[in-house]
Amino acid sequence: MLLLDQATRQNLWRQLVEGLEAYTEGIAAHRVIGRRRISRFLETLARPHVLKNDLEAAYREMAADERREAEALEWSEGLVGDIEDAPR
C-alpha cells in the first residue's frame, strides 16, 4: 500500500479534478462546435491574435527592414550554392 502525506494527496486530487474539468469542457466544445470542426473553430479564435489583419501592410513593413532583407537575400543565395553540388 502506497502511503502519501496529506499535501501530496490533496495535490494529486486537485490535478485529477482539473484534468476532468478540462476533459468535460472539451466534450462540451465537441458537442457545440461539431465533429471535425474544432480545429477550424480554434483557428478562427487564434488567427486575429497571431496574424496581422492587413497582409499587404505587413509585407511592406518587412520589405522596409533592410537588414532583414539583406539576411534573406544572403540565405537564398546560399541555397543556390547548395544546389550546384547536388547530384543530378
N, C-alpha and C. Protein backbone atom coordinates (compact mmCIF):
# COMPACT_ATOMS: atom_id res chain seq x y z
N MET A 1 0.84 -1.17 0.00
CA MET A 1 0.00 0.00 0.00
C MET A 1 0.89 1.24 0.00
N LEU A 2 0.55 2.18 -0.88
CA LEU A 2 1.32 3.41 -1.01
C LEU A 2 0.78 4.44 -0.03
N LEU A 3 1.64 4.94 0.82
CA LEU A 3 1.23 5.95 1.79
C LEU A 3 1.73 7.32 1.34
N LEU A 4 0.80 8.26 1.25
CA LEU A 4 1.14 9.62 0.84
C LEU A 4 0.73 10.58 1.94
N ASP A 5 1.48 11.63 2.08
CA ASP A 5 1.08 12.63 3.08
C ASP A 5 -0.12 13.40 2.56
N GLN A 6 -0.76 14.14 3.43
CA GLN A 6 -2.00 14.83 3.09
C GLN A 6 -1.80 15.86 1.98
N ALA A 7 -0.70 16.60 2.01
CA ALA A 7 -0.45 17.62 0.99
C ALA A 7 -0.32 16.98 -0.39
N THR A 8 0.37 15.86 -0.46
CA THR A 8 0.53 15.16 -1.74
C THR A 8 -0.80 14.64 -2.24
N ARG A 9 -1.60 14.07 -1.34
CA ARG A 9 -2.93 13.57 -1.73
C ARG A 9 -3.80 14.71 -2.25
N GLN A 10 -3.77 15.84 -1.55
CA GLN A 10 -4.57 16.98 -1.99
C GLN A 10 -4.11 17.49 -3.35
N ASN A 11 -2.81 17.52 -3.57
CA ASN A 11 -2.26 17.97 -4.85
C ASN A 11 -2.69 17.03 -5.97
N LEU A 12 -2.59 15.73 -5.73
CA LEU A 12 -2.99 14.76 -6.75
C LEU A 12 -4.48 14.85 -7.03
N TRP A 13 -5.27 15.04 -5.98
CA TRP A 13 -6.72 15.16 -6.15
C TRP A 13 -7.05 16.41 -6.97
N ARG A 14 -6.37 17.54 -6.67
CA ARG A 14 -6.59 18.78 -7.40
C ARG A 14 -6.26 18.59 -8.88
N GLN A 15 -5.14 17.92 -9.16
CA GLN A 15 -4.74 17.69 -10.54
C GLN A 15 -5.77 16.81 -11.26
N LEU A 16 -6.29 15.82 -10.57
CA LEU A 16 -7.30 14.94 -11.16
C LEU A 16 -8.56 15.72 -11.48
N VAL A 17 -9.00 16.55 -10.56
CA VAL A 17 -10.21 17.34 -10.77
C VAL A 17 -10.01 18.32 -11.92
N GLU A 18 -8.86 18.99 -11.97
CA GLU A 18 -8.59 19.92 -13.07
C GLU A 18 -8.58 19.20 -14.41
N GLY A 19 -8.00 18.01 -14.44
CA GLY A 19 -7.97 17.23 -15.68
C GLY A 19 -9.37 16.84 -16.13
N LEU A 20 -10.20 16.43 -15.17
CA LEU A 20 -11.58 16.07 -15.51
C LEU A 20 -12.37 17.28 -15.98
N GLU A 21 -12.14 18.44 -15.37
CA GLU A 21 -12.83 19.65 -15.81
C GLU A 21 -12.43 20.01 -17.24
N ALA A 22 -11.14 19.91 -17.55
CA ALA A 22 -10.68 20.21 -18.90
C ALA A 22 -11.27 19.22 -19.90
N TYR A 23 -11.34 17.95 -19.52
CA TYR A 23 -11.91 16.92 -20.38
C TYR A 23 -13.40 17.21 -20.64
N THR A 24 -14.10 17.59 -19.58
CA THR A 24 -15.53 17.90 -19.69
C THR A 24 -15.75 19.10 -20.59
N GLU A 25 -14.92 20.13 -20.44
CA GLU A 25 -15.03 21.30 -21.31
C GLU A 25 -14.77 20.93 -22.76
N GLY A 26 -13.82 20.02 -22.98
CA GLY A 26 -13.52 19.57 -24.34
C GLY A 26 -14.69 18.84 -24.96
N ILE A 27 -15.35 18.00 -24.16
CA ILE A 27 -16.53 17.28 -24.66
C ILE A 27 -17.65 18.28 -24.98
N ALA A 28 -17.84 19.27 -24.11
CA ALA A 28 -18.87 20.28 -24.36
C ALA A 28 -18.58 21.04 -25.64
N ALA A 29 -17.33 21.41 -25.88
CA ALA A 29 -16.96 22.11 -27.10
C ALA A 29 -17.22 21.22 -28.31
N HIS A 30 -16.94 19.94 -28.17
CA HIS A 30 -17.16 19.00 -29.27
C HIS A 30 -18.63 18.93 -29.62
N ARG A 31 -19.49 18.92 -28.61
CA ARG A 31 -20.94 18.86 -28.86
C ARG A 31 -21.46 20.13 -29.50
N VAL A 32 -20.96 21.29 -29.05
CA VAL A 32 -21.45 22.57 -29.56
C VAL A 32 -20.92 22.85 -30.96
N ILE A 33 -19.63 22.64 -31.16
CA ILE A 33 -18.98 23.01 -32.41
C ILE A 33 -19.18 21.94 -33.47
N GLY A 34 -19.17 20.72 -33.08
CA GLY A 34 -19.39 19.63 -34.01
C GLY A 34 -18.11 18.88 -34.34
N ARG A 35 -18.31 17.68 -34.81
CA ARG A 35 -17.19 16.80 -35.12
C ARG A 35 -16.38 17.37 -36.28
N ARG A 36 -15.07 17.27 -36.18
CA ARG A 36 -14.11 17.70 -37.21
C ARG A 36 -14.12 19.21 -37.46
N ARG A 37 -14.70 19.98 -36.56
CA ARG A 37 -14.73 21.43 -36.75
C ARG A 37 -13.99 22.17 -35.64
N ILE A 38 -13.50 21.45 -34.65
CA ILE A 38 -12.86 22.10 -33.52
C ILE A 38 -11.59 22.83 -33.96
N SER A 39 -10.78 22.23 -34.82
CA SER A 39 -9.54 22.89 -35.23
C SER A 39 -9.86 24.18 -35.99
N ARG A 40 -10.89 24.16 -36.82
CA ARG A 40 -11.29 25.38 -37.55
C ARG A 40 -11.77 26.44 -36.56
N PHE A 41 -12.53 26.01 -35.56
CA PHE A 41 -13.03 26.93 -34.55
C PHE A 41 -11.87 27.57 -33.78
N LEU A 42 -10.92 26.76 -33.36
CA LEU A 42 -9.77 27.28 -32.63
C LEU A 42 -8.93 28.20 -33.51
N GLU A 43 -8.81 27.86 -34.77
CA GLU A 43 -8.04 28.70 -35.70
C GLU A 43 -8.70 30.07 -35.86
N THR A 44 -10.02 30.11 -35.97
CA THR A 44 -10.69 31.39 -36.11
C THR A 44 -10.58 32.22 -34.84
N LEU A 45 -10.48 31.56 -33.70
CA LEU A 45 -10.28 32.29 -32.45
C LEU A 45 -8.87 32.86 -32.37
N ALA A 46 -7.89 32.09 -32.78
CA ALA A 46 -6.49 32.49 -32.61
C ALA A 46 -5.98 33.39 -33.73
N ARG A 47 -6.47 33.21 -34.93
CA ARG A 47 -5.94 33.93 -36.09
C ARG A 47 -5.84 35.44 -35.89
N PRO A 48 -6.86 36.13 -35.40
CA PRO A 48 -6.73 37.58 -35.25
C PRO A 48 -5.63 38.00 -34.29
N HIS A 49 -5.29 37.14 -33.37
CA HIS A 49 -4.26 37.47 -32.40
C HIS A 49 -2.86 37.13 -32.89
N VAL A 50 -2.77 36.31 -33.93
CA VAL A 50 -1.49 35.86 -34.44
C VAL A 50 -1.10 36.61 -35.71
N LEU A 51 -2.02 36.76 -36.62
CA LEU A 51 -1.74 37.38 -37.91
C LEU A 51 -2.20 38.82 -37.93
N LYS A 52 -1.49 39.63 -38.69
CA LYS A 52 -1.93 41.00 -38.89
C LYS A 52 -3.11 40.99 -39.85
N ASN A 53 -4.04 41.87 -39.61
CA ASN A 53 -5.22 41.93 -40.46
C ASN A 53 -4.89 42.39 -41.88
N ASP A 54 -3.96 43.32 -42.00
CA ASP A 54 -3.61 43.86 -43.31
C ASP A 54 -2.31 43.21 -43.79
N LEU A 55 -2.43 42.16 -44.56
CA LEU A 55 -1.27 41.40 -45.01
C LEU A 55 -0.36 42.24 -45.89
N GLU A 56 -0.95 43.07 -46.72
CA GLU A 56 -0.14 43.93 -47.60
C GLU A 56 0.72 44.88 -46.79
N ALA A 57 0.16 45.45 -45.75
CA ALA A 57 0.93 46.36 -44.88
C ALA A 57 2.06 45.61 -44.18
N ALA A 58 1.79 44.36 -43.81
CA ALA A 58 2.82 43.56 -43.15
C ALA A 58 3.98 43.29 -44.11
N TYR A 59 3.67 43.01 -45.37
CA TYR A 59 4.73 42.79 -46.36
C TYR A 59 5.53 44.07 -46.60
N ARG A 60 4.85 45.22 -46.65
CA ARG A 60 5.56 46.48 -46.81
C ARG A 60 6.49 46.73 -45.63
N GLU A 61 6.01 46.43 -44.44
CA GLU A 61 6.83 46.61 -43.24
C GLU A 61 8.07 45.72 -43.28
N MET A 62 7.89 44.46 -43.71
CA MET A 62 9.04 43.55 -43.80
C MET A 62 10.03 44.03 -44.87
N ALA A 63 9.53 44.50 -46.01
CA ALA A 63 10.41 44.95 -47.09
C ALA A 63 11.19 46.19 -46.68
N ALA A 64 10.63 47.00 -45.81
CA ALA A 64 11.31 48.21 -45.36
C ALA A 64 12.47 47.90 -44.41
N ASP A 65 12.48 46.72 -43.85
CA ASP A 65 13.55 46.32 -42.93
C ASP A 65 14.74 45.85 -43.77
N GLU A 66 15.66 46.75 -44.06
CA GLU A 66 16.76 46.47 -44.98
C GLU A 66 17.69 45.40 -44.46
N ARG A 67 17.94 45.39 -43.15
CA ARG A 67 18.83 44.36 -42.59
C ARG A 67 18.22 42.97 -42.78
N ARG A 68 16.94 42.86 -42.53
CA ARG A 68 16.26 41.57 -42.70
C ARG A 68 16.26 41.15 -44.16
N GLU A 69 16.03 42.10 -45.05
CA GLU A 69 16.04 41.79 -46.48
C GLU A 69 17.42 41.32 -46.92
N ALA A 70 18.49 41.95 -46.40
CA ALA A 70 19.85 41.53 -46.75
C ALA A 70 20.13 40.13 -46.25
N GLU A 71 19.67 39.82 -45.04
CA GLU A 71 19.85 38.47 -44.50
C GLU A 71 19.09 37.44 -45.33
N ALA A 72 17.87 37.80 -45.75
CA ALA A 72 17.07 36.89 -46.57
C ALA A 72 17.73 36.65 -47.92
N LEU A 73 18.28 37.70 -48.52
CA LEU A 73 18.97 37.55 -49.80
C LEU A 73 20.20 36.66 -49.65
N GLU A 74 20.97 36.88 -48.59
CA GLU A 74 22.16 36.05 -48.35
C GLU A 74 21.76 34.58 -48.16
N TRP A 75 20.70 34.35 -47.41
CA TRP A 75 20.23 32.98 -47.17
C TRP A 75 19.80 32.32 -48.48
N SER A 76 19.01 33.06 -49.30
CA SER A 76 18.52 32.46 -50.55
C SER A 76 19.65 32.22 -51.54
N GLU A 77 20.64 33.13 -51.57
CA GLU A 77 21.80 32.92 -52.44
C GLU A 77 22.59 31.70 -51.99
N GLY A 78 22.64 31.45 -50.70
CA GLY A 78 23.32 30.27 -50.18
C GLY A 78 22.66 28.98 -50.63
N LEU A 79 21.36 29.02 -50.84
CA LEU A 79 20.63 27.84 -51.31
C LEU A 79 21.05 27.48 -52.74
N VAL A 80 21.28 28.49 -53.54
CA VAL A 80 21.72 28.25 -54.92
C VAL A 80 23.04 27.50 -54.92
N GLY A 81 23.95 27.89 -54.03
CA GLY A 81 25.23 27.18 -53.93
C GLY A 81 25.05 25.74 -53.51
N ASP A 82 24.08 25.44 -52.67
CA ASP A 82 23.82 24.07 -52.24
C ASP A 82 23.33 23.22 -53.40
N ILE A 83 22.56 23.80 -54.29
CA ILE A 83 22.01 23.06 -55.42
C ILE A 83 23.08 22.73 -56.45
N GLU A 84 24.07 23.60 -56.59
CA GLU A 84 25.12 23.38 -57.58
C GLU A 84 25.86 22.06 -57.34
N ASP A 85 26.02 21.71 -56.08
CA ASP A 85 26.77 20.49 -55.74
C ASP A 85 25.90 19.24 -55.71
N ALA A 86 24.62 19.38 -55.89
CA ALA A 86 23.71 18.24 -55.78
C ALA A 86 23.88 17.32 -56.98
N PRO A 87 23.86 15.99 -56.74
CA PRO A 87 23.93 15.04 -57.87
C PRO A 87 22.68 15.14 -58.71
N ARG A 88 22.85 14.91 -59.99
CA ARG A 88 21.69 15.01 -60.90
C ARG A 88 21.25 13.68 -61.38
